[in-house]
Structures are given as C-alpha cells and as structure tokens.
C-alpha atoms as a PDB file:
ATOM      1  CA  UNK A   1       6.269  -3.465  32.187  1.00  0.00           C
ATOM      2  CA  UNK A   2       3.108  -1.397  32.484  1.00  0.00           C
ATOM      3  CA  UNK A   3       2.413  -0.132  35.996  1.00  0.00           C
ATOM      4  CA  UNK A   4      -1.038   0.450  37.529  1.00  0.00           C
ATOM      5  CA  UNK A   5      -1.127   4.162  36.648  1.00  0.00           C
ATOM      6  CA  UNK A   6      -0.333   3.456  33.003  1.00  0.00           C
ATOM      7  CA  UNK A   7      -2.878   0.652  32.902  1.00  0.00           C
ATOM      8  CA  UNK A   8      -5.463   3.053  34.347  1.00  0.00           C
ATOM      9  CA  UNK A   9      -4.751   5.648  31.637  1.00  0.00           C
ATOM     10  CA  UNK A  10      -4.883   3.055  28.870  1.00  0.00           C
ATOM     11  CA  UNK A  11      -8.186   1.758  30.275  1.00  0.00           C
ATOM     12  CA  UNK A  12      -9.600   5.299  30.395  1.00  0.00           C
ATOM     13  CA  UNK A  13      -8.786   5.885  26.722  1.00  0.00           C
ATOM     14  CA  UNK A  14     -10.336   2.558  25.726  1.00  0.00           C
ATOM     15  CA  UNK A  15     -13.464   3.153  27.816  1.00  0.00           C
ATOM     16  CA  UNK A  16     -13.878   6.730  26.512  1.00  0.00           C
ATOM     17  CA  UNK A  17     -13.589   5.484  22.934  1.00  0.00           C
ATOM     18  CA  UNK A  18     -16.201   2.789  23.579  1.00  0.00           C
ATOM     19  CA  UNK A  19     -18.443   5.371  25.257  1.00  0.00           C
ATOM     20  CA  UNK A  20     -18.201   7.733  22.264  1.00  0.00           C
ATOM     21  CA  UNK A  21     -18.941   4.897  19.825  1.00  0.00           C
ATOM     22  CA  UNK A  22     -22.044   3.836  21.758  1.00  0.00           C
ATOM     23  CA  UNK A  23     -23.332   7.313  22.708  1.00  0.00           C
ATOM     24  CA  UNK A  24     -23.140   8.595  19.140  1.00  0.00           C
ATOM     25  CA  UNK A  25     -24.820   5.525  17.657  1.00  0.00           C
ATOM     26  CA  UNK A  26     -21.715   4.559  15.713  1.00  0.00           C
ATOM     27  CA  UNK A  27     -21.915   1.053  17.115  1.00  0.00           C
ATOM     28  CA  UNK A  28     -24.508   0.405  14.401  1.00  0.00           C
ATOM     29  CA  UNK A  29     -21.873   1.153  11.753  1.00  0.00           C
ATOM     30  CA  UNK A  30     -19.501  -1.203  13.526  1.00  0.00           C
ATOM     31  CA  UNK A  31     -22.196  -3.881  13.583  1.00  0.00           C
ATOM     32  CA  UNK A  32     -22.787  -3.411   9.841  1.00  0.00           C
ATOM     33  CA  UNK A  33     -19.087  -3.804   9.223  1.00  0.00           C
ATOM     34  CA  UNK A  34     -18.896  -7.092  11.120  1.00  0.00           C
ATOM     35  CA  UNK A  35     -22.049  -8.453   9.482  1.00  0.00           C
ATOM     36  CA  UNK A  36     -20.658  -7.815   5.989  1.00  0.00           C
ATOM     37  CA  UNK A  37     -19.630 -11.345   5.006  1.00  0.00           C
ATOM     38  CA  UNK A  38     -16.688 -10.375   2.753  1.00  0.00           C
ATOM     39  CA  UNK A  39     -15.309  -7.923   5.305  1.00  0.00           C
ATOM     40  CA  UNK A  40     -15.683 -10.402   8.155  1.00  0.00           C
ATOM     41  CA  UNK A  41     -13.921 -13.208   6.261  1.00  0.00           C
ATOM     42  CA  UNK A  42     -11.010 -10.880   5.509  1.00  0.00           C
ATOM     43  CA  UNK A  43     -10.985  -9.772   9.149  1.00  0.00           C
ATOM     44  CA  UNK A  44     -10.778 -13.391  10.353  1.00  0.00           C
ATOM     45  CA  UNK A  45      -7.942 -14.111   7.907  1.00  0.00           C
ATOM     46  CA  UNK A  46      -6.133 -10.997   9.159  1.00  0.00           C
ATOM     47  CA  UNK A  47      -6.540 -12.061  12.805  1.00  0.00           C
ATOM     48  CA  UNK A  48      -5.279 -15.570  12.072  1.00  0.00           C
ATOM     49  CA  UNK A  49      -2.283 -14.130  10.188  1.00  0.00           C
ATOM     50  CA  UNK A  50      -1.462 -11.717  13.032  1.00  0.00           C
ATOM     51  CA  UNK A  51      -1.728 -14.406  15.707  1.00  0.00           C
ATOM     52  CA  UNK A  52       0.454 -16.742  13.657  1.00  0.00           C
ATOM     53  CA  UNK A  53       3.155 -14.112  13.114  1.00  0.00           C
ATOM     54  CA  UNK A  54       3.149 -12.852  16.703  1.00  0.00           C
ATOM     55  CA  UNK A  55       2.966 -16.255  18.418  1.00  0.00           C
ATOM     56  CA  UNK A  56       4.379 -18.888  16.074  1.00  0.00           C
ATOM     57  CA  UNK A  57       6.592 -17.282  13.438  1.00  0.00           C
ATOM     58  CA  UNK A  58      10.246 -18.171  13.908  1.00  0.00           C
ATOM     59  CA  UNK A  59      13.255 -17.911  11.680  1.00  0.00           C
ATOM     60  CA  UNK A  60      17.000 -18.303  12.068  1.00  0.00           C
ATOM     61  CA  UNK A  61      17.406 -14.635  11.194  1.00  0.00           C
ATOM     62  CA  UNK A  62      16.352 -12.929  14.457  1.00  0.00           C
ATOM     63  CA  UNK A  63      16.512  -9.456  12.909  1.00  0.00           C
ATOM     64  CA  UNK A  64      14.082 -10.500  10.160  1.00  0.00           C
ATOM     65  CA  UNK A  65      11.812 -12.122  12.756  1.00  0.00           C
ATOM     66  CA  UNK A  66      11.757  -8.934  14.847  1.00  0.00           C
ATOM     67  CA  UNK A  67      11.096  -6.797  11.745  1.00  0.00           C
ATOM     68  CA  UNK A  68       8.182  -8.983  10.647  1.00  0.00           C
ATOM     69  CA  UNK A  69       6.629  -8.896  14.124  1.00  0.00           C
ATOM     70  CA  UNK A  70       7.097  -5.123  14.331  1.00  0.00           C
ATOM     71  CA  UNK A  71       5.445  -4.726  10.915  1.00  0.00           C
ATOM     72  CA  UNK A  72       2.433  -6.758  12.074  1.00  0.00           C
ATOM     73  CA  UNK A  73       2.096  -4.661  15.235  1.00  0.00           C
ATOM     74  CA  UNK A  74       2.174  -1.459  13.186  1.00  0.00           C
ATOM     75  CA  UNK A  75      -0.363  -2.929  10.765  1.00  0.00           C
ATOM     76  CA  UNK A  76      -2.686  -3.662  13.700  1.00  0.00           C
ATOM     77  CA  UNK A  77      -2.442  -0.011  14.770  1.00  0.00           C
ATOM     78  CA  UNK A  78      -3.164   1.063  11.183  1.00  0.00           C
ATOM     79  CA  UNK A  79      -6.213  -1.215  11.146  1.00  0.00           C
ATOM     80  CA  UNK A  80      -7.502   0.310  14.392  1.00  0.00           C
ATOM     81  CA  UNK A  81      -7.088   3.791  12.905  1.00  0.00           C
ATOM     82  CA  UNK A  82      -8.890   2.661   9.733  1.00  0.00           C
ATOM     83  CA  UNK A  83     -11.797   1.502  11.916  1.00  0.00           C
ATOM     84  CA  UNK A  84     -11.798   4.931  13.592  1.00  0.00           C
ATOM     85  CA  UNK A  85     -11.932   6.531  10.128  1.00  0.00           C
ATOM     86  CA  UNK A  86     -14.810   4.268   9.111  1.00  0.00           C
ATOM     87  CA  UNK A  87     -16.676   5.410  12.234  1.00  0.00           C
ATOM     88  CA  UNK A  88     -15.673   9.049  11.603  1.00  0.00           C
ATOM     89  CA  UNK A  89     -13.840   9.340  14.915  1.00  0.00           C
ATOM     90  CA  UNK A  90     -11.178  12.012  14.617  1.00  0.00           C
ATOM     91  CA  UNK A  91      -9.829  12.324  18.184  1.00  0.00           C
ATOM     92  CA  UNK A  92      -9.415   8.623  19.064  1.00  0.00           C
ATOM     93  CA  UNK A  93      -6.427   8.078  16.714  1.00  0.00           C
ATOM     94  CA  UNK A  94      -4.491  10.783  18.563  1.00  0.00           C
ATOM     95  CA  UNK A  95      -4.959   9.068  21.926  1.00  0.00           C
ATOM     96  CA  UNK A  96      -4.279   5.632  20.470  1.00  0.00           C
ATOM     97  CA  UNK A  97      -0.973   6.763  18.969  1.00  0.00           C
ATOM     98  CA  UNK A  98      -0.108   8.628  22.181  1.00  0.00           C
ATOM     99  CA  UNK A  99      -0.723   5.523  24.305  1.00  0.00           C
ATOM    100  CA  UNK A 100       1.292   3.295  21.992  1.00  0.00           C
ATOM    101  CA  UNK A 101       4.154   5.768  21.562  1.00  0.00           C
ATOM    102  CA  UNK A 102       4.489   6.719  25.213  1.00  0.00           C
ATOM    103  CA  UNK A 103       3.431   3.793  27.341  1.00  0.00           C
ATOM    104  CA  UNK A 104       4.378   0.954  25.033  1.00  0.00           C
ATOM    105  CA  UNK A 105       7.766   2.402  24.088  1.00  0.00           C
ATOM    106  CA  UNK A 106       9.449  -0.989  23.711  1.00  0.00           C
ATOM    107  CA  UNK A 107       6.477  -2.778  22.179  1.00  0.00           C
ATOM    108  CA  UNK A 108       8.463  -4.159  19.256  1.00  0.00           C
END
C-alpha cells in the first residue's frame, strides 16, 4: 500500500511533468496528437483493451492471467515513455521508471 509520503512524491513527479509540458509549450504537441483522428481511434482501442485485460480478463490458468496483466501494465509504461519521446522530454522517463520500480514494487 502506498503511504502519504510516497503519494506525495508520486504527485510531485506528475505535477512537475505537467508543469514542464505546459511551460515549454509542448501541450500544443499533445493537443495535436489527440486531435489526429487515426491516432485517437487507436488510443481509444488501446484504452478499452487495457481496461478489459486489467478489470475483466480471467482464465483458469492464474499464471497466464498474471502474465497477461503484467504485460499490459508494462505496455502502459512503454506508451507513457513513447509520449515523453514524442514531446521530446528526456528526464521524465527516468522519474517515471524510478517511481514505478521503487514505490510500486509489487504492481504486477
């Protein structure tokens, strides 16, 4: 379980990333990405797939179920890093991976 200190640190990283995106004008690039119809449709399909796997996917093979859910979680992190790359943010991936690796140790 995440305690208040950890939640504070996670919030700081998220807020700093948002601040950098807005202060450098990169929010316009993000807006362009979300207004691209093909990209947005694929994004919606990805979100639906992730929600389905994480909330509804069940199988008799519990190991397979855990592996599939872990793969989706890692894919979400990869997507976040790809967004950082699209926005040319080079420091944010470090902090994102740090937060996930340290504070969310048993996230799978």
